[in-house]
């Protein structure tokens, strides 16, 4: 797939699979995102993926689009994790992420759906982040 086709697929979809690694161990989780300006913007609660990406910011995201029958298109983005902190002077990136993500009614899923017995609001501040698309490639299969 061309870069334009890859970009269109990323823009038209919202769900991918994030791969990160720590100490040689890979970890893959679903990720709701919004794509703009060569970045994937996302939201999460603190947990394993945030801890691992803070430790090793090199990540990959795979987005799959199913077609009719055996048709499919897939894009892999290799990039770099960057947290968008909630502090004075950094509001622009965080507000931009929120503006992109909040266009969809369930923008906070699955990032805020962390099974826990503790109150999320009392113990887990949310994390907005972006992944810079340093490289991407796409493949497709048609009938």
C-alpha atoms as a PDB file:
ATOM      1  CA  UNK A   1       0.000   0.000   0.000  1.00  0.00           C
ATOM      2  CA  UNK A   2       1.145   3.536  -0.670  1.00  0.00           C
ATOM      3  CA  UNK A   3       1.780   6.018   2.154  1.00  0.00           C
ATOM      4  CA  UNK A   4      -1.407   7.851   1.185  1.00  0.00           C
ATOM      5  CA  UNK A   5      -3.412   4.609   1.408  1.00  0.00           C
ATOM      6  CA  UNK A   6      -1.841   3.828   4.800  1.00  0.00           C
ATOM      7  CA  UNK A   7      -2.683   7.302   6.085  1.00  0.00           C
ATOM      8  CA  UNK A   8      -6.286   7.011   4.857  1.00  0.00           C
ATOM      9  CA  UNK A   9      -6.694   3.654   6.611  1.00  0.00           C
ATOM     10  CA  UNK A  10      -5.328   5.070   9.884  1.00  0.00           C
ATOM     11  CA  UNK A  11      -7.600   8.120   9.603  1.00  0.00           C
ATOM     12  CA  UNK A  12     -10.738   6.093   8.871  1.00  0.00           C
ATOM     13  CA  UNK A  13     -10.279   3.628  11.729  1.00  0.00           C
ATOM     14  CA  UNK A  14     -10.118   3.992  15.497  1.00  0.00           C
ATOM     15  CA  UNK A  15      -9.090   0.611  16.881  1.00  0.00           C
ATOM     16  CA  UNK A  16      -5.654  -0.940  16.647  1.00  0.00           C
ATOM     17  CA  UNK A  17      -3.329  -3.186  18.585  1.00  0.00           C
ATOM     18  CA  UNK A  18      -0.441  -1.606  20.477  1.00  0.00           C
ATOM     19  CA  UNK A  19       2.766  -3.608  20.922  1.00  0.00           C
ATOM     20  CA  UNK A  20       5.324  -2.570  23.506  1.00  0.00           C
ATOM     21  CA  UNK A  21       8.181  -4.423  25.183  1.00  0.00           C
ATOM     22  CA  UNK A  22      10.090  -4.433  28.437  1.00  0.00           C
ATOM     23  CA  UNK A  23      13.111  -6.559  29.347  1.00  0.00           C
ATOM     24  CA  UNK A  24      12.740  -8.529  26.113  1.00  0.00           C
ATOM     25  CA  UNK A  25       9.087  -9.439  26.781  1.00  0.00           C
ATOM     26  CA  UNK A  26       6.480  -8.214  24.244  1.00  0.00           C
ATOM     27  CA  UNK A  27       3.006  -7.074  25.306  1.00  0.00           C
ATOM     28  CA  UNK A  28       0.056  -6.419  22.957  1.00  0.00           C
ATOM     29  CA  UNK A  29      -3.201  -4.654  23.876  1.00  0.00           C
ATOM     30  CA  UNK A  30      -6.162  -3.079  22.040  1.00  0.00           C
ATOM     31  CA  UNK A  31      -5.953   0.678  21.589  1.00  0.00           C
ATOM     32  CA  UNK A  32      -8.575   3.246  20.627  1.00  0.00           C
ATOM     33  CA  UNK A  33      -6.838   6.123  18.866  1.00  0.00           C
ATOM     34  CA  UNK A  34      -7.308   9.166  16.664  1.00  0.00           C
ATOM     35  CA  UNK A  35      -4.837   9.797  13.838  1.00  0.00           C
ATOM     36  CA  UNK A  36      -3.725  13.310  12.894  1.00  0.00           C
ATOM     37  CA  UNK A  37      -0.515  15.080  11.885  1.00  0.00           C
ATOM     38  CA  UNK A  38       1.501  11.849  11.663  1.00  0.00           C
ATOM     39  CA  UNK A  39       0.605  10.880  15.260  1.00  0.00           C
ATOM     40  CA  UNK A  40      -1.727   8.391  16.898  1.00  0.00           C
ATOM     41  CA  UNK A  41      -3.397  10.055  19.901  1.00  0.00           C
ATOM     42  CA  UNK A  42      -4.738   7.907  22.740  1.00  0.00           C
ATOM     43  CA  UNK A  43      -5.875   7.797  26.357  1.00  0.00           C
ATOM     44  CA  UNK A  44      -5.301   5.252  29.114  1.00  0.00           C
ATOM     45  CA  UNK A  45      -5.347   4.732  32.823  1.00  0.00           C
ATOM     46  CA  UNK A  46      -1.995   3.935  34.458  1.00  0.00           C
ATOM     47  CA  UNK A  47      -1.105   0.284  34.220  1.00  0.00           C
ATOM     48  CA  UNK A  48       1.183  -2.178  32.549  1.00  0.00           C
ATOM     49  CA  UNK A  49       1.259  -0.609  29.062  1.00  0.00           C
ATOM     50  CA  UNK A  50       1.939   2.894  30.392  1.00  0.00           C
ATOM     51  CA  UNK A  51       4.659   1.572  32.712  1.00  0.00           C
ATOM     52  CA  UNK A  52       6.254  -0.382  29.872  1.00  0.00           C
ATOM     53  CA  UNK A  53       6.078   2.501  27.364  1.00  0.00           C
ATOM     54  CA  UNK A  54       7.635   4.837  29.920  1.00  0.00           C
ATOM     55  CA  UNK A  55      10.442   2.317  30.297  1.00  0.00           C
ATOM     56  CA  UNK A  56      10.835   1.689  26.545  1.00  0.00           C
ATOM     57  CA  UNK A  57       9.109   4.293  24.314  1.00  0.00           C
ATOM     58  CA  UNK A  58       9.653   2.310  21.081  1.00  0.00           C
ATOM     59  CA  UNK A  59       6.272   0.841  20.094  1.00  0.00           C
ATOM     60  CA  UNK A  60       4.313  -0.530  17.157  1.00  0.00           C
ATOM     61  CA  UNK A  61       0.618  -0.266  16.339  1.00  0.00           C
ATOM     62  CA  UNK A  62      -1.234  -2.520  13.918  1.00  0.00           C
ATOM     63  CA  UNK A  63      -4.573  -1.476  12.415  1.00  0.00           C
ATOM     64  CA  UNK A  64      -6.615  -4.062  10.513  1.00  0.00           C
ATOM     65  CA  UNK A  65      -9.579  -3.405   8.252  1.00  0.00           C
ATOM     66  CA  UNK A  66     -11.652  -6.365   7.088  1.00  0.00           C
ATOM     67  CA  UNK A  67     -13.336  -6.297   3.703  1.00  0.00           C
ATOM     68  CA  UNK A  68     -15.703  -8.631   1.868  1.00  0.00           C
ATOM     69  CA  UNK A  69     -14.879 -12.343   2.004  1.00  0.00           C
ATOM     70  CA  UNK A  70     -11.147 -12.806   2.382  1.00  0.00           C
ATOM     71  CA  UNK A  71     -10.248  -9.154   1.702  1.00  0.00           C
ATOM     72  CA  UNK A  72      -8.295  -7.197   4.292  1.00  0.00           C
ATOM     73  CA  UNK A  73      -5.958  -4.226   4.654  1.00  0.00           C
ATOM     74  CA  UNK A  74      -3.437  -3.748   7.441  1.00  0.00           C
ATOM     75  CA  UNK A  75      -1.063  -0.978   8.450  1.00  0.00           C
ATOM     76  CA  UNK A  76       1.844  -1.252  10.873  1.00  0.00           C
ATOM     77  CA  UNK A  77       3.117   1.954  12.485  1.00  0.00           C
ATOM     78  CA  UNK A  78       6.495   1.910  14.196  1.00  0.00           C
ATOM     79  CA  UNK A  79       6.920   4.879  16.440  1.00  0.00           C
ATOM     80  CA  UNK A  80       7.814   6.557  19.674  1.00  0.00           C
ATOM     81  CA  UNK A  81       5.588   6.970  22.766  1.00  0.00           C
ATOM     82  CA  UNK A  82       5.233  10.500  24.141  1.00  0.00           C
ATOM     83  CA  UNK A  83       3.143  11.336  27.183  1.00  0.00           C
ATOM     84  CA  UNK A  84       1.075  14.523  27.073  1.00  0.00           C
ATOM     85  CA  UNK A  85       1.354  15.697  30.684  1.00  0.00           C
ATOM     86  CA  UNK A  86      -1.250  17.609  32.664  1.00  0.00           C
ATOM     87  CA  UNK A  87       0.826  20.590  33.734  1.00  0.00           C
ATOM     88  CA  UNK A  88       1.095  24.284  33.024  1.00  0.00           C
ATOM     89  CA  UNK A  89       2.701  24.893  29.650  1.00  0.00           C
ATOM     90  CA  UNK A  90       1.757  21.491  28.212  1.00  0.00           C
ATOM     91  CA  UNK A  91      -2.000  21.955  27.832  1.00  0.00           C
ATOM     92  CA  UNK A  92      -1.933  22.338  24.032  1.00  0.00           C
ATOM     93  CA  UNK A  93      -0.929  18.766  23.243  1.00  0.00           C
ATOM     94  CA  UNK A  94      -3.313  17.300  25.804  1.00  0.00           C
ATOM     95  CA  UNK A  95      -6.210  19.523  24.683  1.00  0.00           C
ATOM     96  CA  UNK A  96      -5.536  18.629  21.046  1.00  0.00           C
ATOM     97  CA  UNK A  97      -5.582  14.906  21.880  1.00  0.00           C
ATOM     98  CA  UNK A  98      -8.843  15.328  23.780  1.00  0.00           C
ATOM     99  CA  UNK A  99     -10.406  17.296  20.901  1.00  0.00           C
ATOM    100  CA  UNK A 100      -9.583  14.512  18.426  1.00  0.00           C
ATOM    101  CA  UNK A 101     -10.580  11.614  20.666  1.00  0.00           C
ATOM    102  CA  UNK A 102     -13.795  13.149  22.001  1.00  0.00           C
ATOM    103  CA  UNK A 103     -15.365  13.299  18.533  1.00  0.00           C
ATOM    104  CA  UNK A 104     -16.464   9.697  19.161  1.00  0.00           C
ATOM    105  CA  UNK A 105     -18.982   8.752  21.834  1.00  0.00           C
ATOM    106  CA  UNK A 106     -16.856   5.952  23.322  1.00  0.00           C
ATOM    107  CA  UNK A 107     -13.465   7.651  22.996  1.00  0.00           C
ATOM    108  CA  UNK A 108     -12.406   6.693  26.522  1.00  0.00           C
ATOM    109  CA  UNK A 109     -12.801   2.931  25.941  1.00  0.00           C
ATOM    110  CA  UNK A 110     -10.951   0.638  26.506  1.00  0.00           C
ATOM    111  CA  UNK A 111      -8.451   2.986  28.190  1.00  0.00           C
ATOM    112  CA  UNK A 112     -10.670   3.809  31.161  1.00  0.00           C
ATOM    113  CA  UNK A 113     -12.150   0.331  31.573  1.00  0.00           C
ATOM    114  CA  UNK A 114      -9.540  -1.087  33.899  1.00  0.00           C
ATOM    115  CA  UNK A 115     -10.875  -3.812  36.200  1.00  0.00           C
ATOM    116  CA  UNK A 116     -10.063  -2.809  39.755  1.00  0.00           C
ATOM    117  CA  UNK A 117     -11.564  -2.818  43.218  1.00  0.00           C
ATOM    118  CA  UNK A 118     -10.238   0.667  43.978  1.00  0.00           C
ATOM    119  CA  UNK A 119     -11.926   3.860  42.856  1.00  0.00           C
ATOM    120  CA  UNK A 120     -10.363   4.938  39.570  1.00  0.00           C
ATOM    121  CA  UNK A 121     -10.882   8.614  40.316  1.00  0.00           C
ATOM    122  CA  UNK A 122      -9.198   8.399  43.722  1.00  0.00           C
ATOM    123  CA  UNK A 123      -6.160   6.366  42.706  1.00  0.00           C
ATOM    124  CA  UNK A 124      -5.544   6.438  38.928  1.00  0.00           C
ATOM    125  CA  UNK A 125      -5.067   9.724  37.076  1.00  0.00           C
ATOM    126  CA  UNK A 126      -5.702   9.364  33.355  1.00  0.00           C
ATOM    127  CA  UNK A 127      -2.890   9.565  30.812  1.00  0.00           C
ATOM    128  CA  UNK A 128      -3.112  11.162  27.375  1.00  0.00           C
ATOM    129  CA  UNK A 129      -0.327  10.213  24.985  1.00  0.00           C
ATOM    130  CA  UNK A 130       0.654  10.134  21.362  1.00  0.00           C
ATOM    131  CA  UNK A 131       2.746   7.870  19.196  1.00  0.00           C
ATOM    132  CA  UNK A 132       4.770   9.547  16.491  1.00  0.00           C
ATOM    133  CA  UNK A 133       4.588   7.558  13.271  1.00  0.00           C
ATOM    134  CA  UNK A 134       8.280   7.266  12.432  1.00  0.00           C
ATOM    135  CA  UNK A 135       7.609   4.627   9.781  1.00  0.00           C
ATOM    136  CA  UNK A 136       4.583   2.810   8.438  1.00  0.00           C
ATOM    137  CA  UNK A 137       3.842   0.095   5.952  1.00  0.00           C
ATOM    138  CA  UNK A 138       0.673  -1.495   4.673  1.00  0.00           C
ATOM    139  CA  UNK A 139      -0.443  -4.681   2.997  1.00  0.00           C
ATOM    140  CA  UNK A 140      -3.727  -5.799   1.557  1.00  0.00           C
ATOM    141  CA  UNK A 141      -5.364  -8.911   0.159  1.00  0.00           C
ATOM    142  CA  UNK A 142      -8.185  -8.878  -2.367  1.00  0.00           C
ATOM    143  CA  UNK A 143     -10.311 -11.625  -3.889  1.00  0.00           C
END
